[in-house]
Every structure is written in structure tokens, then in C-alpha cells.
Protein backbone atom coordinates (compact mmCIF):
# COMPACT_ATOMS: atom_id res chain seq x y z
CA UNK A 1 -3.20 -13.53 2.64
CA UNK A 2 -0.06 -11.75 3.82
CA UNK A 3 -0.57 -9.34 6.65
CA UNK A 4 1.26 -7.44 9.36
CA UNK A 5 0.30 -8.56 12.85
CA UNK A 6 -0.10 -6.02 15.62
CA UNK A 7 -0.32 -7.32 19.15
CA UNK A 8 -3.02 -6.40 21.64
CA UNK A 9 -2.86 -3.17 23.69
CA UNK A 10 0.34 -2.75 25.66
CA UNK A 11 0.95 -5.04 28.62
CA UNK A 12 4.12 -3.21 29.61
CA UNK A 13 4.44 -1.63 33.06
CA UNK A 14 3.30 1.99 33.12
CA UNK A 15 6.57 3.64 32.21
CA UNK A 16 5.34 7.00 31.01
CA UNK A 17 2.87 9.62 32.12
CA UNK A 18 -0.75 9.62 30.99
CA UNK A 19 -2.19 12.18 33.39
CA UNK A 20 -3.30 14.58 30.66
CA UNK A 21 -4.61 14.31 27.12
CA UNK A 22 -4.29 16.96 24.42
CA UNK A 23 -5.32 15.87 20.93
CA UNK A 24 -5.20 12.70 18.85
CA UNK A 25 -2.52 12.27 16.23
CA UNK A 26 -3.29 13.78 12.90
CA UNK A 27 -1.95 11.35 10.28
CA UNK A 28 -1.84 7.70 11.31
CA UNK A 29 -5.15 6.42 12.69
CA UNK A 30 -4.25 3.99 15.46
CA UNK A 31 -6.98 1.86 17.01
CA UNK A 32 -7.13 -1.09 19.38
CA UNK A 33 -7.50 -3.47 16.45
CA UNK A 34 -4.32 -2.30 14.75
CA UNK A 35 -2.86 0.44 12.62
CA UNK A 36 -4.14 1.76 9.30
CA UNK A 37 -1.51 2.36 6.63
CA UNK A 38 -3.89 4.06 4.18
CA UNK A 39 -2.54 7.56 4.80
CA UNK A 40 1.14 6.58 4.58
CA UNK A 41 3.23 7.90 1.72
CA UNK A 42 4.83 4.46 1.31
CA UNK A 43 3.25 1.40 2.88
CA UNK A 44 5.44 -1.29 4.48
CA UNK A 45 5.98 -4.54 2.63
CA UNK A 46 3.77 -7.51 3.48
CA UNK A 47 4.83 -10.18 5.94
CA UNK A 48 2.63 -13.01 7.28
CA UNK A 49 3.85 -12.98 10.89
CA UNK A 50 5.79 -9.76 11.54
CA UNK A 51 4.58 -7.98 14.68
CA UNK A 52 5.36 -4.30 14.17
CA UNK A 53 3.64 -3.26 17.37
CA UNK A 54 5.62 -5.90 19.25
CA UNK A 55 8.91 -4.55 17.86
CA UNK A 56 7.96 -1.05 19.01
CA UNK A 57 6.99 -2.30 22.48
CA UNK A 58 10.26 -4.18 22.79
CA UNK A 59 12.26 -1.09 21.79
CA UNK A 60 10.45 1.03 24.37
CA UNK A 61 10.75 -1.66 27.06
CA UNK A 62 14.49 -2.20 26.61
CA UNK A 63 15.00 1.55 26.99
CA UNK A 64 12.76 1.97 30.04
CA UNK A 65 13.67 -1.19 31.91
CA UNK A 66 11.74 -1.74 35.15
CA UNK A 67 11.92 1.87 36.44
CA UNK A 68 11.12 4.06 33.49
CA UNK A 69 13.04 7.22 32.63
CA UNK A 70 14.54 8.18 35.99
CA UNK A 71 16.00 11.40 34.57
CA UNK A 72 12.62 12.57 33.29
CA UNK A 73 10.94 11.57 36.55
CA UNK A 74 13.51 13.63 38.45
CA UNK A 75 13.63 16.74 36.25
CA UNK A 76 10.37 17.14 34.29
CA UNK A 77 7.00 17.93 35.92
CA UNK A 78 4.38 15.46 34.75
CA UNK A 79 1.98 18.20 33.67
CA UNK A 80 4.51 20.23 31.63
CA UNK A 81 3.76 20.52 27.92
CA UNK A 82 6.35 21.41 25.26
CA UNK A 83 6.86 21.53 21.52
CA UNK A 84 9.88 19.69 20.09
CA UNK A 85 11.17 19.97 16.53
CA UNK A 86 12.80 17.40 14.27
CA UNK A 87 16.07 18.79 12.91
CA UNK A 88 18.08 17.35 10.00
CA UNK A 89 21.79 17.59 10.71
CA UNK A 90 22.84 16.41 7.26
CA UNK A 91 21.40 16.11 3.78
CA UNK A 92 19.54 12.94 2.92
CA UNK A 93 16.25 11.16 2.36
CA UNK A 94 13.96 11.11 5.38
CA UNK A 95 12.26 7.84 6.28
CA UNK A 96 10.43 6.52 9.31
CA UNK A 97 7.94 9.37 9.66
CA UNK A 98 4.96 7.01 9.62
CA UNK A 99 6.67 4.66 12.06
CA UNK A 100 7.54 7.60 14.35
CA UNK A 101 3.85 8.47 14.62
CA UNK A 102 3.02 4.90 15.64
CA UNK A 103 5.70 5.06 18.35
CA UNK A 104 4.49 8.40 19.69
CA UNK A 105 0.96 7.04 19.78
CA UNK A 106 2.13 3.97 21.67
CA UNK A 107 3.75 6.17 24.32
CA UNK A 108 0.93 8.72 24.52
CA UNK A 109 -2.03 8.84 22.10
CA UNK A 110 -2.59 12.50 22.96
CA UNK A 111 0.69 13.69 21.45
CA UNK A 112 0.16 15.83 18.37
CA UNK A 113 2.63 15.32 15.51
CA UNK A 114 2.94 17.51 12.41
CA UNK A 115 5.31 17.23 9.45
CA UNK A 116 6.40 19.53 6.66
CA UNK A 117 7.94 16.58 4.80
CA UNK A 118 6.81 13.02 4.10
CA UNK A 119 8.62 9.70 3.90
CA UNK A 120 10.91 9.71 0.86
CA UNK A 121 11.41 13.48 0.71
CA UNK A 122 14.85 15.07 0.57
CA UNK A 123 15.90 17.07 3.63
CA UNK A 124 18.82 19.48 3.89
CA UNK A 125 21.11 20.06 6.83
CA UNK A 126 19.51 22.54 9.22
CA UNK A 127 15.93 21.90 8.08
CA UNK A 128 13.21 21.61 10.73
CA UNK A 129 10.88 19.12 9.07
CA UNK A 130 8.46 18.13 11.81
CA UNK A 131 7.28 18.79 15.35
CA UNK A 132 5.57 17.01 18.22
CA UNK A 133 3.53 18.74 20.94
CA UNK A 134 2.30 17.44 24.27
CA UNK A 135 3.55 16.25 27.65
CA UNK A 136 7.29 16.84 27.86
CA UNK A 137 7.89 13.67 29.85
CA UNK A 138 6.35 11.43 27.19
CA UNK A 139 8.04 13.21 24.29
CA UNK A 140 11.45 12.69 25.86
CA UNK A 141 10.67 9.05 26.69
CA UNK A 142 9.78 8.38 23.03
CA UNK A 143 12.61 10.50 21.61
CA UNK A 144 15.46 7.99 21.42
CA UNK A 145 13.36 5.10 20.13
CA UNK A 146 11.81 7.32 17.46
CA UNK A 147 15.21 8.66 16.40
CA UNK A 148 16.85 5.22 16.37
CA UNK A 149 14.27 3.99 13.88
CA UNK A 150 14.21 7.20 11.82
CA UNK A 151 17.98 7.58 11.59
CA UNK A 152 18.51 3.99 10.47
CA UNK A 153 15.61 4.03 8.02
CA UNK A 154 16.69 7.41 6.63
CA UNK A 155 20.23 6.11 6.15
CA UNK A 156 18.92 3.14 4.17
CA UNK A 157 16.54 5.30 2.16
CA UNK A 158 19.34 7.75 1.38
CA UNK A 159 21.52 4.97 -0.01
CA UNK A 160 18.56 3.59 -1.93
CA UNK A 161 17.34 6.80 -3.50
CA UNK A 162 17.85 6.75 -7.23
CA UNK A 163 18.03 10.47 -7.88
CA UNK A 164 19.16 13.65 -6.22
CA UNK A 165 22.03 12.20 -4.18
CA UNK A 166 25.67 13.02 -4.73
CA UNK A 167 28.10 10.35 -3.65
CA UNK A 168 31.74 10.84 -2.53
CA UNK A 169 34.31 9.06 -4.66
CA UNK A 170 37.92 8.10 -4.07
CA UNK A 171 40.40 10.94 -3.84
CA UNK A 172 42.05 9.80 -7.07
CA UNK A 173 39.42 10.23 -9.79
CA UNK A 174 40.34 8.51 -13.01
CA UNK A 175 39.49 9.42 -16.61
CA UNK A 176 36.90 6.63 -16.56
CA UNK A 177 35.27 8.35 -13.58
CA UNK A 178 34.94 11.52 -15.61
CA UNK A 179 33.36 9.60 -18.48
CA UNK A 180 30.61 8.55 -16.10
CA UNK A 181 30.04 12.14 -15.06
CA UNK A 182 32.38 12.36 -12.05
CA UNK A 183 33.79 15.80 -11.32
CA UNK A 184 37.53 15.43 -10.45
CA UNK A 185 37.48 18.80 -8.69
CA UNK A 186 34.73 17.98 -6.22
CA UNK A 187 35.08 14.18 -6.18
CA UNK A 188 31.29 13.83 -6.31
CA UNK A 189 29.15 12.04 -8.84
CA UNK A 190 27.15 14.08 -11.30
CA UNK A 191 25.30 10.92 -12.30
CA UNK A 192 23.24 8.53 -10.23
CA UNK A 193 23.71 4.84 -9.71
CA UNK A 194 20.64 4.40 -11.89
CA UNK A 195 22.45 6.08 -14.76
CA UNK A 196 25.56 3.98 -14.24
CA UNK A 197 23.80 0.61 -13.91
CA UNK A 198 21.03 1.08 -16.50
CA UNK A 199 19.26 -1.09 -17.55
CA UNK A 200 19.97 -3.17 -14.43
CA UNK A 201 17.99 -2.92 -11.21
CA UNK A 202 19.64 -3.01 -7.79
CA UNK A 203 17.93 -4.78 -4.88
CA UNK A 204 18.63 -5.31 -1.20
CA UNK A 205 18.98 -8.77 0.39
CA UNK A 206 18.06 -10.57 3.64
CA UNK A 207 21.12 -9.07 5.33
CA UNK A 208 19.04 -6.91 7.64
CA UNK A 209 19.30 -6.16 11.35
CA UNK A 210 17.79 -9.06 13.37
CA UNK A 211 14.21 -8.25 14.28
CA UNK A 212 14.10 -5.29 11.88
CA UNK A 213 13.61 -7.12 8.58
CA UNK A 214 10.37 -5.38 7.67
CA UNK A 215 11.60 -2.00 8.92
CA UNK A 216 14.79 -2.18 6.85
CA UNK A 217 12.98 -3.32 3.73
CA UNK A 218 10.34 -0.63 4.26
CA UNK A 219 13.14 1.94 4.21
CA UNK A 220 14.34 0.56 0.87
CA UNK A 221 10.85 1.09 -0.58
CA UNK A 222 10.72 4.61 0.86
CA UNK A 223 14.02 5.33 -0.86
CA UNK A 224 12.54 4.32 -4.18
CA UNK A 225 14.04 0.86 -4.36
CA UNK A 226 12.62 -2.62 -4.73
CA UNK A 227 12.64 -5.57 -2.37
CA UNK A 228 14.26 -8.94 -2.89
CA UNK A 229 12.61 -11.86 -1.07
CA UNK A 230 11.26 -11.02 2.37
CA UNK A 231 12.49 -14.21 4.01
CA UNK A 232 12.86 -17.96 3.68
CA UNK A 233 9.15 -18.45 3.07
CA UNK A 234 8.28 -16.42 -0.03
CA UNK A 235 10.88 -17.57 -2.56
CA UNK A 236 13.00 -20.68 -3.12
CA UNK A 237 16.68 -19.75 -3.30
CA UNK A 238 18.95 -22.74 -4.00
CA UNK A 239 22.41 -21.81 -2.69
CA UNK A 240 25.73 -23.66 -2.70
CA UNK A 241 25.06 -25.51 0.56
CA UNK A 242 21.72 -26.78 -0.70
CA UNK A 243 23.42 -27.96 -3.90
CA UNK A 244 26.19 -29.74 -2.00
CA UNK A 245 23.74 -31.53 0.30
CA UNK A 246 21.42 -32.48 -2.59
CA UNK A 247 24.32 -34.02 -4.52
CA UNK A 248 24.43 -31.57 -7.40
CA UNK A 249 22.67 -28.60 -8.93
CA UNK A 250 20.20 -30.64 -11.02
CA UNK A 251 19.28 -32.84 -8.07
CA UNK A 252 18.54 -29.70 -6.07
CA UNK A 253 16.32 -28.24 -8.81
CA UNK A 254 14.48 -31.56 -9.23
CA UNK A 255 13.84 -31.75 -5.49
CA UNK A 256 12.43 -28.22 -5.49
CA UNK A 257 10.19 -28.99 -8.47
CA UNK A 258 8.85 -32.09 -6.73
CA UNK A 259 8.31 -30.29 -3.43
CA UNK A 260 6.41 -27.39 -4.96
CA UNK A 261 4.22 -29.78 -6.93
CA UNK A 262 3.50 -31.92 -3.86
CA UNK A 263 2.66 -28.84 -1.78
CA UNK A 264 0.71 -27.22 -4.62
CA UNK A 265 2.83 -24.09 -4.27
CA UNK A 266 3.71 -21.49 -6.88
CA UNK A 267 6.61 -19.15 -6.13
CA UNK A 268 9.78 -17.83 -7.66
CA UNK A 269 12.76 -20.19 -7.66
CA UNK A 270 16.36 -19.04 -7.89
CA UNK A 271 19.44 -21.23 -8.23
CA UNK A 272 23.06 -20.28 -7.67
CA UNK A 273 25.59 -21.17 -10.36
CA UNK A 274 29.33 -20.79 -9.85
CA UNK A 275 30.72 -21.88 -13.21
CA UNK A 276 29.71 -21.72 -16.87
CA UNK A 277 29.46 -25.51 -16.76
CA UNK A 278 26.78 -25.23 -14.07
CA UNK A 279 24.94 -22.63 -16.14
CA UNK A 280 25.00 -25.03 -19.09
CA UNK A 281 23.71 -27.86 -16.86
CA UNK A 282 20.78 -25.75 -15.72
CA UNK A 283 19.96 -24.65 -19.27
CA UNK A 284 20.04 -28.19 -20.61
CA UNK A 285 17.87 -29.52 -17.79
CA UNK A 286 15.25 -26.78 -18.07
CA UNK A 287 15.11 -27.10 -21.87
CA UNK A 288 14.21 -30.78 -21.55
CA UNK A 289 12.09 -30.77 -18.38
CA UNK A 290 9.30 -28.58 -17.10
CA UNK A 291 10.74 -26.69 -14.15
CA UNK A 292 9.67 -24.05 -11.66
CA UNK A 293 13.01 -22.24 -12.02
CA UNK A 294 12.65 -18.49 -12.52
CA UNK A 295 16.07 -17.06 -11.65
CA UNK A 296 19.70 -17.97 -12.10
CA UNK A 297 22.37 -16.55 -9.81
CA UNK A 298 25.77 -16.08 -11.44
CA UNK A 299 28.06 -16.16 -8.42
CA UNK A 300 31.61 -14.75 -8.46
CA UNK A 301 31.61 -14.14 -12.19
CA UNK A 302 32.84 -10.58 -11.80
CA UNK A 303 36.62 -10.92 -11.48
CA UNK A 304 38.56 -8.07 -9.81
CA UNK A 305 41.75 -6.99 -11.58
CA UNK A 306 44.98 -5.64 -10.01
CA UNK A 307 44.37 -2.18 -11.50
CA UNK A 308 41.04 -1.83 -9.67
CA UNK A 309 38.94 -2.60 -12.73
CA UNK A 310 36.85 -5.74 -13.14
CA UNK A 311 36.71 -8.45 -15.78
CA UNK A 312 33.07 -9.12 -16.70
CA UNK A 313 33.77 -11.45 -19.64
CA UNK A 314 32.64 -14.56 -17.74
CA UNK A 315 29.48 -12.79 -16.61
CA UNK A 316 28.78 -11.64 -20.15
CA UNK A 317 29.28 -15.17 -21.50
CA UNK A 318 26.80 -16.52 -18.95
CA UNK A 319 24.18 -13.91 -19.83
CA UNK A 320 24.61 -14.68 -23.53
CA UNK A 321 24.24 -18.40 -22.82
CA UNK A 322 20.94 -17.83 -21.04
CA UNK A 323 19.71 -15.51 -23.79
CA UNK A 324 16.11 -15.33 -22.61
CA UNK A 325 15.47 -19.03 -23.30
CA UNK A 326 13.15 -19.34 -20.32
CA UNK A 327 9.51 -18.54 -20.89
CA UNK A 328 9.32 -17.21 -17.34
CA UNK A 329 11.67 -14.72 -15.81
CA UNK A 330 15.22 -15.96 -15.35
CA UNK A 331 17.04 -14.22 -12.56
CA UNK A 332 20.70 -13.39 -12.34
CA UNK A 333 21.42 -11.04 -9.45
CA UNK A 334 24.80 -9.47 -8.87
CA UNK A 335 25.68 -9.11 -5.22
CA UNK A 336 28.46 -6.61 -4.73
CA UNK A 337 30.35 -4.56 -2.17
CA UNK A 338 31.25 -0.94 -2.85
CA UNK A 339 33.53 1.48 -1.09
CA UNK A 340 33.46 1.44 2.70
CA UNK A 341 31.66 4.75 2.86
CA UNK A 342 28.13 5.57 1.88
CA UNK A 343 28.01 4.75 -1.80
CA UNK A 344 27.11 1.09 -1.45
CA UNK A 345 23.72 -0.19 -2.42
CA UNK A 346 22.16 2.77 -4.18
CA UNK A 347 19.03 1.21 -5.62
CA UNK A 348 18.14 1.63 -9.27
CA UNK A 349 15.09 0.79 -11.28
CA UNK A 350 15.01 -1.16 -14.45
CA UNK A 351 13.82 0.30 -17.73
CA UNK A 352 10.14 0.29 -18.63
CA UNK A 353 10.67 -2.68 -20.94
CA UNK A 354 9.48 -5.94 -19.32
CA UNK A 355 12.27 -8.42 -18.70
CA UNK A 356 12.00 -12.13 -19.44
CA UNK A 357 15.42 -13.00 -18.05
CA UNK A 358 17.09 -11.89 -14.83
CA UNK A 359 20.43 -12.90 -13.40
CA UNK A 360 22.50 -12.85 -10.21
CA UNK A 361 26.27 -12.72 -9.69
CA UNK A 362 28.57 -11.63 -6.92
CA UNK A 363 31.91 -9.86 -6.68
CA UNK A 364 33.62 -6.73 -5.42
CA UNK A 365 32.37 -3.77 -7.42
CA UNK A 366 32.74 -0.01 -7.12
CA UNK A 367 30.49 2.66 -8.57
CA UNK A 368 33.11 3.05 -11.29
CA UNK A 369 32.48 -0.50 -12.53
CA UNK A 370 28.70 -0.70 -12.08
CA UNK A 371 28.22 0.75 -15.56
CA UNK A 372 30.32 -2.01 -17.11
CA UNK A 373 28.36 -4.69 -15.25
CA UNK A 374 25.02 -3.17 -16.20
CA UNK A 375 26.02 -3.30 -19.86
CA UNK A 376 26.45 -7.08 -19.78
CA UNK A 377 22.70 -7.57 -19.83
CA UNK A 378 22.37 -8.39 -16.14
CA UNK A 379 18.88 -7.50 -14.97
CA UNK A 380 19.41 -7.20 -11.21
CA UNK A 381 22.28 -6.12 -9.00
CA UNK A 382 21.73 -6.94 -5.34
CA UNK A 383 23.60 -5.40 -2.43
CA UNK A 384 23.50 -6.61 1.14
CA UNK A 385 25.43 -3.47 2.08
CA UNK A 386 22.27 -1.48 1.51
CA UNK A 387 20.94 -2.69 4.85
CA UNK A 388 23.83 -4.33 6.72
CA UNK A 389 26.37 -1.50 6.39
CA UNK A 390 24.07 1.50 6.53
CA UNK A 391 25.25 4.83 7.91
CA UNK A 392 22.49 6.40 9.99
CA UNK A 393 21.30 9.83 8.88
CA UNK A 394 21.92 12.41 11.60
CA UNK A 395 18.55 13.64 12.91
CA UNK A 396 17.71 15.16 16.27
CA UNK A 397 14.58 16.16 18.20
CA UNK A 398 15.09 19.46 20.00
CA UNK A 399 12.94 21.58 22.29
CA UNK A 400 15.35 24.54 22.22
CA UNK A 401 15.93 24.61 18.48
CA UNK A 402 17.62 28.01 18.51
CA UNK A 403 20.37 26.75 20.79
CA UNK A 404 20.58 23.46 18.89
CA UNK A 405 21.11 25.28 15.61
CA UNK A 406 23.72 27.55 17.18
CA UNK A 407 25.67 24.58 18.51
CA UNK A 408 25.17 22.72 15.24
CA UNK A 409 26.63 25.56 13.21
CA UNK A 410 29.61 25.68 15.54
CA UNK A 411 30.28 21.99 15.04
CA UNK A 412 29.24 22.09 11.34
CA UNK A 413 26.34 19.68 12.01
CA UNK A 414 23.49 22.07 11.20
């Protein structure tokens, strides 16, 4: 059974003060045996070996080094208690609240944390959405690690959220933009990526920060999205290199079928196709032979045009060729890159109708062309940019919130 592994109690040097205790945390119940996720708004995805507690310990240790926080030790009395407030400095979807509580508990179980929002909620610039009370030294020690996780996770969740987010467009809106609901006066979308891509569903990929795979994918779930495979272990994904080494696409599929049968394994299998001829090969093989194949990737079948549009005729032909002929789900996923700013990877859900065929293709796509791709019958659109090119959401933790808000208003960050 998949599980998240939490290491034993901390073996790190004593890098923060524990001279006083106030009150146990109110939401996440943390015990020696591990952490309970029952009270979390969105639980993290499953992983058989991921050590969340170990990741937290490593983050704290790399910050503290072998001396601890020398600035805190020099300036903050060990017995001083304060209240610090979480402040949103821009609009977005907040994520990492549950993880923040685990981090605070790791630093000092007596810290008391309260929230007015939960993971997945929308926050507006200037909103104070949570507070932590207890020893000042320990709050400041935990601050940067907590914010690093929360800002990254909130950035991913904001890109992933399917509703309630307006997205900047290019400064030259076209008539086709307006057809999709884009306002040429404000250059913001009045429709969501879900509306544009319907009935397709956008997923993230394995292009996550090293060591933060589960954290990044957790943020996608918090944002309302869905996860692609967690790693190399939970889904077979036959890519071009596998095909080249195996001596052809059918050889690769046969080898996978034999391996899964020998190992008595059942899991999803996806194969990458780069031409319509390869699609036809796969269809002919699977119509004549029992296969474990469940998804087909249509790679580079979205062709960019000089005018900024895309030609999806090849993609459409491939989808029509597949035509739901597989009894199990056939996957075609479109992997795309959007504008360089924060419109890439907004996650969308599929319609309520169950899908028997899914597909995957790759190409350079903007929000303006997502609608056209979604209309081809593609079931999934995957975006690595959702996690590898995320813009962190600006969040701070302030003791003097009045001064912080004053400075923020001056710099237009609050």
C-alpha cells in the first residue's frame, strides 16, 4: 500500500529554543509516529517512499547550518513571545497551510497557529490570512522555510486553479482573443482555461523541483488540478528513447506487455507516437493482440504557424484514427508551453462524461489556441510549466503588520 514515510524524531543539533511551551497546534495533530492528514483540506498524493518529515528537516538544517540563527541569538531574548501574521502581497490561491503547520511543529510544538483561510482558498493582496503565536526566536527561525514552501506551492496552485483567476494576455489582443472572452481594454481573460480547453483536462508532469515532487504535486491538487504519474514506478511511459533502444514502437510495447505479465503487475501504460504511421502501427498491433496499453501520446502534432496560430489538423487526424477503439482508456496528452509569464499550466477538469480514450501531444501553445486544441477531441493537455516555471506567490510573515502594510502600500505590494 502506498504511504508517506516520516522519519523518527529529529536528530538535528538543537538549533532553536525550547525553553518554554505555550499550547499545542490546533489543526494538524503531530505525534512521534507521524503526521495525521485527516484534518487537511486537501491531502497530499500517495508515494511509497517519500519522506516528508525528512524534506522538512533538510530545509531547516540547510538554513541553520552548524550554528543556528546567529541573528536571532544576538537580538531576540529566548523567553520573548510574539504574534506574527501571514500577509498576502498579491492575489492568488493559497497553498501550503497544512505543510506550514508541520514545519512550525517541527521547530517548536508549542507554537500556536490559526488561519482564516484554508488550502485552496483565494486570497487578495493585503489580506492577513493567518497568525502564529509563541516564542519569537522559533517563529523567526521557521519563517523562511515556511514561506519558501508556501510561496512556491501557492504559485503552483494559483496557476492550477480552474476558476476565479484572471490571466494577463499579450498587449496586442486579436479578434480571436475577444471571441474567447478576452477584454482588449484590460488585456485580461474573462474566461478560464477550463472554458477554453473544454472538454480536455490539463495535467502537470514529472518536471518538478528535485526533492519536492510530492510537494509540487500536492500544490496542483490544492489548486483543483489532477496529477499525472507520480514517478517512474506507478505508470509505464514508453518514450522515444525507449522505442529507439527496443528497435521500434511495437517491440517496445511487446516488451512492456511481457514484463508486466511476468511481474504480475497491472498499471497504466502510455506510448509516445511521433507520426500518423506510428499511430497506425499501434492501432493495428493492439487490434490483433491483447495489450496493456492504455494511453497514446501524440508528440509534436500541433504545428505552430508563422502568424502565431497553430495547425491541429494532424492532431485531429490522429484522434479520429484512434476513435475510442480501445476497450480501456487510451491516453493522448498534449504537452505545451504558454507565454513566459504566469498563464502556463492552468489546470482544467474534464467533463462529467467518462472517457474511454485519452491522448497526448506536444507543441508550443498559447491560451489563445488551447480552445482549438481542446476541440480536436484530445482528452488531456499536460504542462510541465505548471511546476517547472512557477512564479512564487508573494507572501510574508510580519510581526509589525501595521508598518508592513504601510510599506507595502508605498511599494504597491500590499
